[in-house]
Amino acid sequence: EVQLVESGGGLVQAGGSLRLSCAASGAASGFTLDDYAIGWFRQAPGKEREGVSCISSSDGSTYYADSVKGRATISSDNAKNTVYLQMNSLKPEDTAVYYCASGWGACGVSWYFPAGMDYWGKGTLVTVSS
């Protein structure tokens, strides 16, 4: 079992930036982020949850949704078991609850499907005002 805790959300004006953090831990001894893909997803009111970005912690491969490409950077500090999502040039349509999720192994070509992830955090709210 993997526990995930998001932080860093808040209220920001359009054009601003936020850095979201996802702290991971595991029940098993010797837990390491190297074994997992960590994805960021978001869900806006009345909309389905959608993939934002994913990182394969073993080799650092990264993936981005078209909607955030060029504005978001995902990174991993495996020593701290923490994954970050830096979001710049934020837009009102980025307003959502942002979740991190883990899956065993690498992100894969279908990383953006929530069903592919095994464990989820409780989310952090990002509100972008116009």
C-alpha atoms as a PDB file:
ATOM      1  CA  GLU A   1       0.000   0.000   0.000  1.00  0.00           C
ATOM      2  CA  VAL A   2       1.158   3.518  -0.866  1.00  0.00           C
ATOM      3  CA  GLN A   3       0.117   6.649   0.964  1.00  0.00           C
ATOM      4  CA  LEU A   4       0.104   9.942  -0.931  1.00  0.00           C
ATOM      5  CA  VAL A   5      -0.325  13.423   0.487  1.00  0.00           C
ATOM      6  CA  GLU A   6      -0.679  16.464  -1.742  1.00  0.00           C
ATOM      7  CA  SER A   7       0.097  20.036  -0.740  1.00  0.00           C
ATOM      8  CA  GLY A   8       0.728  23.404  -2.312  1.00  0.00           C
ATOM      9  CA  GLY A   9      -2.683  24.290  -3.648  1.00  0.00           C
ATOM     10  CA  GLY A  10      -4.280  27.655  -3.108  1.00  0.00           C
ATOM     11  CA  LEU A  11      -5.696  30.754  -4.705  1.00  0.00           C
ATOM     12  CA  VAL A  12      -3.642  32.415  -7.406  1.00  0.00           C
ATOM     13  CA  GLN A  13      -4.303  35.044 -10.028  1.00  0.00           C
ATOM     14  CA  ALA A  14      -4.271  34.187 -13.700  1.00  0.00           C
ATOM     15  CA  GLY A  15      -0.718  34.219 -15.000  1.00  0.00           C
ATOM     16  CA  GLY A  16       0.672  33.181 -11.643  1.00  0.00           C
ATOM     17  CA  SER A  17       2.481  30.035 -10.571  1.00  0.00           C
ATOM     18  CA  LEU A  18       2.124  27.255  -8.030  1.00  0.00           C
ATOM     19  CA  ARG A  19       4.210  24.268  -7.067  1.00  0.00           C
ATOM     20  CA  LEU A  20       2.292  21.234  -5.944  1.00  0.00           C
ATOM     21  CA  SER A  21       3.954  18.520  -3.890  1.00  0.00           C
ATOM     22  CA  CYS A  22       3.095  14.858  -3.517  1.00  0.00           C
ATOM     23  CA  ALA A  23       4.742  13.096  -0.581  1.00  0.00           C
ATOM     24  CA  ALA A  24       4.737   9.327  -0.917  1.00  0.00           C
ATOM     25  CA  SER A  25       5.232   6.631   1.674  1.00  0.00           C
ATOM     26  CA  GLY A  26       4.662   2.921   1.841  1.00  0.00           C
ATOM     27  CA  ALA A  27       3.670   0.418   4.476  1.00  0.00           C
ATOM     28  CA  ALA A  28       6.399  -1.989   3.427  1.00  0.00           C
ATOM     29  CA  SER A  29       9.929  -1.476   4.683  1.00  0.00           C
ATOM     30  CA  GLY A  30      12.319  -0.331   2.031  1.00  0.00           C
ATOM     31  CA  PHE A  31       9.694   1.666   0.181  1.00  0.00           C
ATOM     32  CA  THR A  32      11.230   3.574  -2.686  1.00  0.00           C
ATOM     33  CA  LEU A  33       9.712   5.861  -5.241  1.00  0.00           C
ATOM     34  CA  ASP A  34      11.940   4.238  -7.882  1.00  0.00           C
ATOM     35  CA  ASP A  35       9.410   1.440  -8.275  1.00  0.00           C
ATOM     36  CA  TYR A  36       6.458   3.656  -9.128  1.00  0.00           C
ATOM     37  CA  ALA A  37       4.952   5.955 -11.663  1.00  0.00           C
ATOM     38  CA  ILE A  38       3.431   9.042 -10.103  1.00  0.00           C
ATOM     39  CA  GLY A  39       0.733  10.912 -11.928  1.00  0.00           C
ATOM     40  CA  TRP A  40      -0.996  14.210 -11.356  1.00  0.00           C
ATOM     41  CA  PHE A  41      -4.678  14.365 -12.187  1.00  0.00           C
ATOM     42  CA  ARG A  42      -7.266  17.069 -11.764  1.00  0.00           C
ATOM     43  CA  GLN A  43     -11.000  17.282 -11.487  1.00  0.00           C
ATOM     44  CA  ALA A  44     -12.960  20.454 -12.012  1.00  0.00           C
ATOM     45  CA  PRO A  45     -16.545  20.808 -10.760  1.00  0.00           C
ATOM     46  CA  GLY A  46     -18.913  18.883 -12.992  1.00  0.00           C
ATOM     47  CA  LYS A  47     -16.116  17.373 -15.057  1.00  0.00           C
ATOM     48  CA  GLU A  48     -14.379  14.048 -15.189  1.00  0.00           C
ATOM     49  CA  ARG A  49     -10.991  13.504 -13.641  1.00  0.00           C
ATOM     50  CA  GLU A  50      -8.248  13.997 -16.219  1.00  0.00           C
ATOM     51  CA  GLY A  51      -4.561  13.301 -16.416  1.00  0.00           C
ATOM     52  CA  VAL A  52      -2.222  16.286 -16.180  1.00  0.00           C
ATOM     53  CA  SER A  53       1.249  14.785 -16.012  1.00  0.00           C
ATOM     54  CA  CYS A  54       3.130  11.645 -15.113  1.00  0.00           C
ATOM     55  CA  ILE A  55       6.672  10.728 -14.183  1.00  0.00           C
ATOM     56  CA  SER A  56       8.311   7.328 -14.193  1.00  0.00           C
ATOM     57  CA  SER A  57      10.461   7.619 -11.110  1.00  0.00           C
ATOM     58  CA  SER A  58      12.878   4.898 -12.221  1.00  0.00           C
ATOM     59  CA  ASP A  59      14.176   6.729 -15.276  1.00  0.00           C
ATOM     60  CA  GLY A  60      12.647  10.182 -15.045  1.00  0.00           C
ATOM     61  CA  SER A  61      10.499   9.889 -18.174  1.00  0.00           C
ATOM     62  CA  THR A  62       7.795  12.540 -18.170  1.00  0.00           C
ATOM     63  CA  TYR A  63       4.450  12.974 -19.872  1.00  0.00           C
ATOM     64  CA  TYR A  64       2.120  15.934 -20.129  1.00  0.00           C
ATOM     65  CA  ALA A  65      -1.411  16.594 -21.212  1.00  0.00           C
ATOM     66  CA  ASP A  66      -1.675  18.949 -24.172  1.00  0.00           C
ATOM     67  CA  SER A  67      -3.588  21.405 -21.994  1.00  0.00           C
ATOM     68  CA  VAL A  68      -0.559  22.017 -19.748  1.00  0.00           C
ATOM     69  CA  LYS A  69       2.342  21.272 -22.082  1.00  0.00           C
ATOM     70  CA  GLY A  70       4.832  24.118 -21.924  1.00  0.00           C
ATOM     71  CA  ARG A  71       3.347  25.434 -18.684  1.00  0.00           C
ATOM     72  CA  ALA A  72       3.924  22.521 -16.336  1.00  0.00           C
ATOM     73  CA  THR A  73       7.007  20.675 -15.172  1.00  0.00           C
ATOM     74  CA  ILE A  74       6.901  17.443 -13.205  1.00  0.00           C
ATOM     75  CA  SER A  75       9.925  16.347 -11.213  1.00  0.00           C
ATOM     76  CA  SER A  76      10.843  13.765  -8.635  1.00  0.00           C
ATOM     77  CA  ASP A  77      13.115  13.863  -5.607  1.00  0.00           C
ATOM     78  CA  ASN A  78      13.478  10.168  -4.907  1.00  0.00           C
ATOM     79  CA  ALA A  79      15.564  10.794  -1.797  1.00  0.00           C
ATOM     80  CA  LYS A  80      12.583  12.598  -0.296  1.00  0.00           C
ATOM     81  CA  ASN A  81       9.982  10.333  -1.937  1.00  0.00           C
ATOM     82  CA  THR A  82       8.325  13.475  -3.223  1.00  0.00           C
ATOM     83  CA  VAL A  83       7.052  14.447  -6.664  1.00  0.00           C
ATOM     84  CA  TYR A  84       6.470  18.052  -7.654  1.00  0.00           C
ATOM     85  CA  LEU A  85       4.306  19.708 -10.256  1.00  0.00           C
ATOM     86  CA  GLN A  86       5.348  23.236 -11.119  1.00  0.00           C
ATOM     87  CA  MET A  87       2.530  25.076 -12.866  1.00  0.00           C
ATOM     88  CA  ASN A  88       3.198  28.417 -14.561  1.00  0.00           C
ATOM     89  CA  SER A  89       1.051  30.855 -16.536  1.00  0.00           C
ATOM     90  CA  LEU A  90      -1.998  29.541 -14.756  1.00  0.00           C
ATOM     91  CA  LYS A  91      -5.395  30.048 -16.346  1.00  0.00           C
ATOM     92  CA  PRO A  92      -8.869  30.073 -14.804  1.00  0.00           C
ATOM     93  CA  GLU A  93      -9.553  26.771 -16.572  1.00  0.00           C
ATOM     94  CA  ASP A  94      -6.784  25.198 -14.475  1.00  0.00           C
ATOM     95  CA  THR A  95      -9.046  25.546 -11.451  1.00  0.00           C
ATOM     96  CA  ALA A  96      -9.621  22.073 -10.041  1.00  0.00           C
ATOM     97  CA  VAL A  97      -8.793  19.687  -7.269  1.00  0.00           C
ATOM     98  CA  TYR A  98      -5.407  18.216  -8.078  1.00  0.00           C
ATOM     99  CA  TYR A  99      -4.665  14.643  -7.084  1.00  0.00           C
ATOM    100  CA  CYS A 100      -1.512  12.612  -7.212  1.00  0.00           C
ATOM    101  CA  ALA A 101      -1.703   8.900  -7.798  1.00  0.00           C
ATOM    102  CA  SER A 102       0.717   6.015  -7.981  1.00  0.00           C
ATOM    103  CA  GLY A 103       0.989   3.006 -10.206  1.00  0.00           C
ATOM    104  CA  TRP A 104       3.522   0.193 -10.208  1.00  0.00           C
ATOM    105  CA  GLY A 105       6.323   0.589 -12.724  1.00  0.00           C
ATOM    106  CA  ALA A 106       6.375   3.174 -15.502  1.00  0.00           C
ATOM    107  CA  CYS A 107       3.753   5.646 -16.686  1.00  0.00           C
ATOM    108  CA  GLY A 108       2.933   3.863 -19.936  1.00  0.00           C
ATOM    109  CA  VAL A 109       1.180   5.172 -23.009  1.00  0.00           C
ATOM    110  CA  SER A 110      -2.195   5.258 -21.229  1.00  0.00           C
ATOM    111  CA  TRP A 111      -0.934   7.157 -18.192  1.00  0.00           C
ATOM    112  CA  TYR A 112      -3.739   9.712 -18.422  1.00  0.00           C
ATOM    113  CA  PHE A 113      -6.465   7.206 -17.590  1.00  0.00           C
ATOM    114  CA  PRO A 114      -7.237   7.407 -13.864  1.00  0.00           C
ATOM    115  CA  ALA A 115      -8.180   3.730 -13.850  1.00  0.00           C
ATOM    116  CA  GLY A 116      -4.540   2.843 -14.462  1.00  0.00           C
ATOM    117  CA  MET A 117      -3.459   4.120 -11.059  1.00  0.00           C
ATOM    118  CA  ASP A 118      -3.637   2.120  -7.858  1.00  0.00           C
ATOM    119  CA  TYR A 119      -3.437   4.590  -4.973  1.00  0.00           C
ATOM    120  CA  TRP A 120      -4.638   8.155  -4.639  1.00  0.00           C
ATOM    121  CA  GLY A 121      -4.142  11.111  -2.379  1.00  0.00           C
ATOM    122  CA  LYS A 122      -7.026  13.214  -1.109  1.00  0.00           C
ATOM    123  CA  GLY A 123      -6.260  16.156  -3.356  1.00  0.00           C
ATOM    124  CA  THR A 124      -5.363  19.804  -3.068  1.00  0.00           C
ATOM    125  CA  LEU A 125      -7.525  22.616  -4.426  1.00  0.00           C
ATOM    126  CA  VAL A 126      -6.119  25.044  -6.969  1.00  0.00           C
ATOM    127  CA  THR A 127      -8.219  28.113  -7.725  1.00  0.00           C
ATOM    128  CA  VAL A 128      -7.145  30.513 -10.444  1.00  0.00           C
ATOM    129  CA  SER A 129      -8.912  33.854 -10.473  1.00  0.00           C
ATOM    130  CA  SER A 130      -9.291  35.925 -13.613  1.00  0.00           C
END
